[in-house]
Amino acid sequence: MVAVVVATAVVVAAGLFFSRGPDPSDMPVGDLPGWKQTGAQDFNTPARLGQVGDVYGPDMRGYHDLEDTSGQGLYTPDSVLSVKDGKLDYYLHTKGRTPRVASIVPFGYAGQTYGRYSIRFRSDSLPGYKIAFMLWPTSDDWLEGEIDWPEGELNGKMYGVSAIKDSPLKGPDRFDPSTRYYSRTDATEWHVATTEWTPGKVKWFWDGEFVGKTTIPEGVPTTNMRLTLQAETKDGADQSSPKPETAGHLEVDWVVQYAYAP
């Protein structure tokens, strides 16, 4: 009887072991049904502050010496970005009364039309700072639209949104969906955020859980977009926010890109 119980336990344990899903800390490698992998970055090569562009190329260094969206932060990648322990590290902080931020283009500026994008990341709680991990037109013409996920302040939950292409030509800027749908948790632990952009539809996922989607097919972008991982000061930031003493780290473990291949 004891032998039977032990054997049964071994079989059950083996079944549980082999039925486990992939470790989320492992970067996905290879194609998926309906998707062809076109980019993968695991950040396995260390790079000190100021060396990320030298080690990973200028696109990984991203913007520099430009104001961020709110106008309060300054893109200074050489004082923000480093790679250590297999993670890209954004050290968001204030220097000389100016918040220092960074924005990278992990797979270059050429972009693609339609795709799937997954990023594993976490952040310290940093009131006054935000992220906008986005798909931006390679033409730099905002009339072609914009897709953001995850977006949000780094002391709260994330949301997804798509700027409706051509909407500024027809009145005020419009975004889809009109109601924001937020991630179940904030970003202070490790999470995987995924965007699926297909003809007439954008969907957003948080750790594989569906969060939201667009509702206006004709508003979905239809031209080449490039993935951009933007960390900046929050919308509406002023000289008092973020506070000068607020400083900490946003980390990216890996990022992957797929082309739409139905």
Protein backbone atom coordinates (compact mmCIF):
# COMPACT_ATOMS: atom_id res chain seq x y z
CA MET A 1 0.00 0.00 0.00
CA VAL A 2 2.80 2.44 0.92
CA ALA A 3 4.57 1.72 -2.36
CA VAL A 4 1.37 2.44 -4.29
CA VAL A 5 0.83 5.74 -2.48
CA VAL A 6 4.44 6.82 -3.09
CA ALA A 7 4.26 5.86 -6.76
CA THR A 8 0.99 7.76 -7.16
CA ALA A 9 2.52 10.84 -5.52
CA VAL A 10 5.50 10.70 -7.86
CA VAL A 11 3.24 10.47 -10.90
CA VAL A 12 1.12 13.42 -9.70
CA ALA A 13 4.22 15.52 -8.95
CA ALA A 14 5.68 14.73 -12.36
CA GLY A 15 2.40 15.67 -14.00
CA LEU A 16 2.33 19.00 -12.18
CA PHE A 17 5.95 19.69 -13.15
CA PHE A 18 5.46 19.02 -16.84
CA SER A 19 2.12 20.86 -16.98
CA ARG A 20 3.54 24.13 -15.64
CA GLY A 21 3.50 27.03 -18.02
CA PRO A 22 6.67 28.80 -19.13
CA ASP A 23 8.58 30.82 -16.56
CA PRO A 24 7.58 34.48 -17.18
CA SER A 25 11.16 35.54 -16.49
CA ASP A 26 12.26 33.61 -19.59
CA MET A 27 12.11 35.68 -22.76
CA PRO A 28 9.89 34.06 -25.43
CA VAL A 29 11.92 32.86 -28.40
CA GLY A 30 10.40 31.83 -31.73
CA ASP A 31 7.18 32.34 -33.62
CA LEU A 32 3.65 32.01 -32.25
CA PRO A 33 0.50 30.94 -34.11
CA GLY A 34 -0.35 33.92 -36.31
CA TRP A 35 2.80 35.84 -35.34
CA LYS A 36 6.39 35.81 -36.66
CA GLN A 37 9.03 36.99 -34.20
CA THR A 38 10.95 39.95 -35.63
CA GLY A 39 12.80 41.19 -32.55
CA ALA A 40 13.95 39.98 -29.14
CA GLN A 41 16.10 41.73 -26.54
CA ASP A 42 17.09 40.04 -23.27
CA PHE A 43 19.63 42.62 -22.00
CA ASN A 44 22.29 40.02 -21.25
CA THR A 45 25.27 42.31 -21.86
CA PRO A 46 26.12 44.72 -18.99
CA ALA A 47 26.47 48.43 -19.74
CA ARG A 48 27.32 51.18 -17.26
CA LEU A 49 25.68 54.61 -17.22
CA GLY A 50 26.63 56.37 -20.42
CA GLN A 51 27.54 53.13 -22.23
CA VAL A 52 24.16 51.78 -23.32
CA GLY A 53 24.43 53.44 -26.73
CA ASP A 54 27.93 52.05 -27.23
CA VAL A 55 26.95 48.49 -26.23
CA TYR A 56 23.44 48.23 -27.70
CA GLY A 57 23.49 50.86 -30.44
CA PRO A 58 22.21 54.43 -30.63
CA ASP A 59 18.54 53.46 -30.97
CA MET A 60 18.68 51.86 -27.51
CA ARG A 61 20.01 55.16 -26.16
CA GLY A 62 16.99 56.84 -27.70
CA TYR A 63 16.11 60.51 -27.40
CA HIS A 64 18.57 62.91 -25.82
CA ASP A 65 18.70 66.57 -24.83
CA LEU A 66 15.00 67.07 -25.54
CA GLU A 67 12.16 68.07 -23.23
CA ASP A 68 9.65 65.35 -22.40
CA THR A 69 5.91 65.63 -23.09
CA SER A 70 5.06 67.72 -20.01
CA GLY A 71 8.04 70.01 -20.61
CA GLN A 72 9.36 69.48 -17.09
CA GLY A 73 11.65 66.50 -17.71
CA LEU A 74 14.73 66.23 -19.91
CA TYR A 75 15.74 63.16 -21.90
CA THR A 76 19.29 62.48 -20.73
CA PRO A 77 19.83 58.76 -21.39
CA ASP A 78 23.49 58.76 -20.38
CA SER A 79 22.57 59.70 -16.82
CA VAL A 80 19.51 57.42 -16.69
CA LEU A 81 20.13 54.17 -18.59
CA SER A 82 22.32 51.21 -17.65
CA VAL A 83 22.14 47.43 -17.98
CA LYS A 84 22.97 45.12 -15.10
CA ASP A 85 21.91 41.67 -13.92
CA GLY A 86 20.12 41.10 -17.22
CA LYS A 87 17.87 44.15 -16.84
CA LEU A 88 17.69 47.52 -18.55
CA ASP A 89 17.59 50.06 -15.73
CA TYR A 90 16.09 53.55 -15.95
CA TYR A 91 17.32 55.59 -12.97
CA LEU A 92 14.68 58.33 -12.81
CA HIS A 93 15.85 61.24 -10.69
CA THR A 94 16.27 65.01 -10.52
CA LYS A 95 19.56 66.74 -11.20
CA GLY A 96 20.02 70.51 -11.25
CA ARG A 97 16.28 70.99 -10.58
CA THR A 98 15.40 69.05 -13.75
CA PRO A 99 13.90 65.54 -13.72
CA ARG A 100 16.02 63.18 -15.82
CA VAL A 101 14.18 60.69 -18.03
CA ALA A 102 14.80 58.42 -21.03
CA SER A 103 13.06 56.85 -24.01
CA ILE A 104 14.43 53.96 -26.07
CA VAL A 105 13.63 52.43 -29.46
CA PRO A 106 14.57 48.77 -28.92
CA PHE A 107 14.06 47.50 -32.47
CA GLY A 108 14.98 50.54 -34.52
CA TYR A 109 13.10 53.30 -36.28
CA ALA A 110 11.89 51.37 -39.36
CA GLY A 111 8.92 49.82 -37.54
CA GLN A 112 6.28 47.58 -39.07
CA THR A 113 2.56 47.58 -39.85
CA TYR A 114 0.64 45.44 -37.32
CA GLY A 115 2.33 43.33 -34.71
CA ARG A 116 2.47 41.83 -31.26
CA TYR A 117 4.68 43.32 -28.53
CA SER A 118 5.44 42.00 -25.03
CA ILE A 119 7.50 43.67 -22.30
CA ARG A 120 8.40 42.28 -18.88
CA PHE A 121 9.04 45.15 -16.49
CA ARG A 122 8.66 46.55 -12.99
CA SER A 123 9.11 49.93 -11.29
CA ASP A 124 9.66 51.47 -7.92
CA SER A 125 6.78 53.68 -6.81
CA LEU A 126 7.75 57.06 -8.30
CA PRO A 127 5.04 59.72 -7.90
CA GLY A 128 5.35 62.36 -10.59
CA TYR A 129 6.87 60.02 -13.17
CA LYS A 130 5.02 57.89 -15.73
CA ILE A 131 5.58 55.48 -18.59
CA ALA A 132 4.13 55.44 -22.08
CA PHE A 133 5.29 52.27 -23.80
CA MET A 134 3.97 53.06 -27.24
CA LEU A 135 3.75 52.37 -30.93
CA TRP A 136 4.57 55.63 -32.69
CA PRO A 137 4.37 56.38 -36.45
CA THR A 138 7.71 55.96 -38.19
CA SER A 139 6.75 59.05 -40.21
CA ASP A 140 6.50 61.04 -36.93
CA ASP A 141 3.10 62.21 -38.16
CA TRP A 142 0.71 61.94 -35.21
CA LEU A 143 -2.26 62.06 -37.61
CA GLU A 144 -1.45 58.41 -38.36
CA GLY A 145 -2.35 57.51 -34.77
CA GLU A 146 -0.58 56.22 -31.69
CA ILE A 147 -1.00 53.08 -29.55
CA ASP A 148 -0.08 53.19 -25.85
CA TRP A 149 0.19 50.21 -23.50
CA PRO A 150 1.07 50.19 -20.74
CA GLU A 151 0.67 53.87 -19.91
CA GLY A 152 0.29 55.42 -16.48
CA GLU A 153 1.93 57.08 -13.51
CA LEU A 154 4.53 55.03 -11.68
CA ASN A 155 2.54 54.95 -8.47
CA GLY A 156 -0.64 53.44 -9.85
CA LYS A 157 -2.25 51.10 -12.35
CA MET A 158 -1.70 51.05 -16.11
CA TYR A 159 -4.15 51.65 -18.95
CA GLY A 160 -4.20 51.20 -22.73
CA VAL A 161 -5.39 53.67 -25.34
CA SER A 162 -5.18 54.27 -29.08
CA ALA A 163 -5.21 57.72 -30.64
CA ILE A 164 -7.75 57.65 -33.46
CA LYS A 165 -5.96 58.38 -36.72
CA ASP A 166 -6.93 61.62 -38.48
CA SER A 167 -9.15 62.67 -35.55
CA PRO A 168 -7.43 66.09 -35.14
CA LEU A 169 -8.55 66.92 -38.68
CA LYS A 170 -12.19 66.42 -37.69
CA GLY A 171 -12.28 68.24 -34.35
CA PRO A 172 -10.72 67.59 -30.93
CA ASP A 173 -8.21 64.75 -30.54
CA ARG A 174 -10.05 61.49 -29.89
CA PHE A 175 -8.94 58.30 -28.20
CA ASP A 176 -10.27 54.75 -28.25
CA PRO A 177 -11.64 53.37 -26.00
CA SER A 178 -13.26 56.49 -24.57
CA THR A 179 -13.34 54.85 -21.12
CA ARG A 180 -10.01 53.77 -19.66
CA TYR A 181 -9.62 50.17 -18.59
CA TYR A 182 -6.85 49.58 -16.07
CA SER A 183 -4.53 46.72 -15.21
CA ARG A 184 -5.54 44.65 -12.21
CA THR A 185 -2.39 45.65 -10.30
CA ASP A 186 0.21 48.39 -10.35
CA ALA A 187 3.74 47.92 -11.72
CA THR A 188 5.70 47.56 -8.50
CA GLU A 189 6.07 43.80 -9.10
CA TRP A 190 7.19 42.08 -12.30
CA HIS A 191 4.52 41.97 -15.01
CA VAL A 192 4.26 41.21 -18.72
CA ALA A 193 2.34 43.74 -20.81
CA THR A 194 1.30 42.66 -24.32
CA THR A 195 -0.18 44.61 -27.21
CA GLU A 196 -1.78 42.90 -30.21
CA TRP A 197 -2.30 45.23 -33.18
CA THR A 198 -4.17 43.75 -36.13
CA PRO A 199 -6.24 45.28 -38.96
CA GLY A 200 -9.05 47.28 -37.34
CA LYS A 201 -8.31 46.11 -33.78
CA VAL A 202 -5.92 46.65 -30.86
CA LYS A 203 -6.02 44.45 -27.75
CA TRP A 204 -4.12 44.81 -24.46
CA PHE A 205 -3.12 42.08 -21.99
CA TRP A 206 -1.58 42.12 -18.48
CA ASP A 207 0.16 38.87 -17.53
CA GLY A 208 -1.90 37.18 -20.23
CA GLU A 209 -5.17 38.56 -18.84
CA PHE A 210 -7.30 40.59 -21.26
CA VAL A 211 -7.60 44.24 -20.18
CA GLY A 212 -9.25 46.09 -23.03
CA LYS A 213 -9.51 46.73 -26.76
CA THR A 214 -10.35 49.38 -29.30
CA THR A 215 -13.94 49.79 -30.50
CA ILE A 216 -13.62 51.90 -33.68
CA PRO A 217 -12.02 49.82 -36.47
CA GLU A 218 -11.55 52.76 -38.83
CA GLY A 219 -9.58 54.63 -36.17
CA VAL A 220 -6.88 51.96 -35.76
CA PRO A 221 -3.48 52.90 -37.28
CA THR A 222 -2.69 51.35 -40.66
CA THR A 223 0.89 52.51 -41.29
CA ASN A 224 4.34 51.55 -39.99
CA MET A 225 4.82 52.13 -36.27
CA ARG A 226 7.94 51.72 -34.10
CA LEU A 227 8.01 50.46 -30.53
CA THR A 228 9.18 53.12 -28.08
CA LEU A 229 9.62 52.60 -24.32
CA GLN A 230 9.19 56.06 -22.88
CA ALA A 231 9.68 57.07 -19.25
CA GLU A 232 8.94 60.70 -18.47
CA THR A 233 7.33 63.10 -16.03
CA LYS A 234 3.59 62.72 -15.58
CA ASP A 235 0.96 64.56 -17.60
CA GLY A 236 0.51 68.04 -16.15
CA ALA A 237 3.79 67.94 -14.22
CA ASP A 238 5.03 71.28 -12.91
CA GLN A 239 8.06 72.56 -10.98
CA SER A 240 6.78 70.91 -7.79
CA SER A 241 6.15 67.48 -9.30
CA PRO A 242 7.94 65.16 -9.28
CA LYS A 243 9.54 66.18 -6.02
CA PRO A 244 13.33 66.61 -6.25
CA GLU A 245 13.88 63.86 -3.68
CA THR A 246 11.84 61.32 -5.69
CA ALA A 247 14.26 58.91 -7.31
CA GLY A 248 14.22 55.23 -8.19
CA HIS A 249 14.32 52.56 -10.83
CA LEU A 250 12.21 51.32 -13.72
CA GLU A 251 13.52 47.97 -14.96
CA VAL A 252 12.89 46.08 -18.20
CA ASP A 253 13.76 42.38 -18.15
CA TRP A 254 13.03 41.63 -21.80
CA VAL A 255 11.08 42.87 -24.79
CA VAL A 256 9.92 40.96 -27.88
CA GLN A 257 8.28 41.95 -31.16
CA TYR A 258 6.28 39.91 -33.70
CA ALA A 259 4.95 40.65 -37.17
CA TYR A 260 1.33 39.85 -37.98
CA ALA A 261 1.29 36.57 -39.91
CA PRO A 262 -2.29 35.27 -40.21
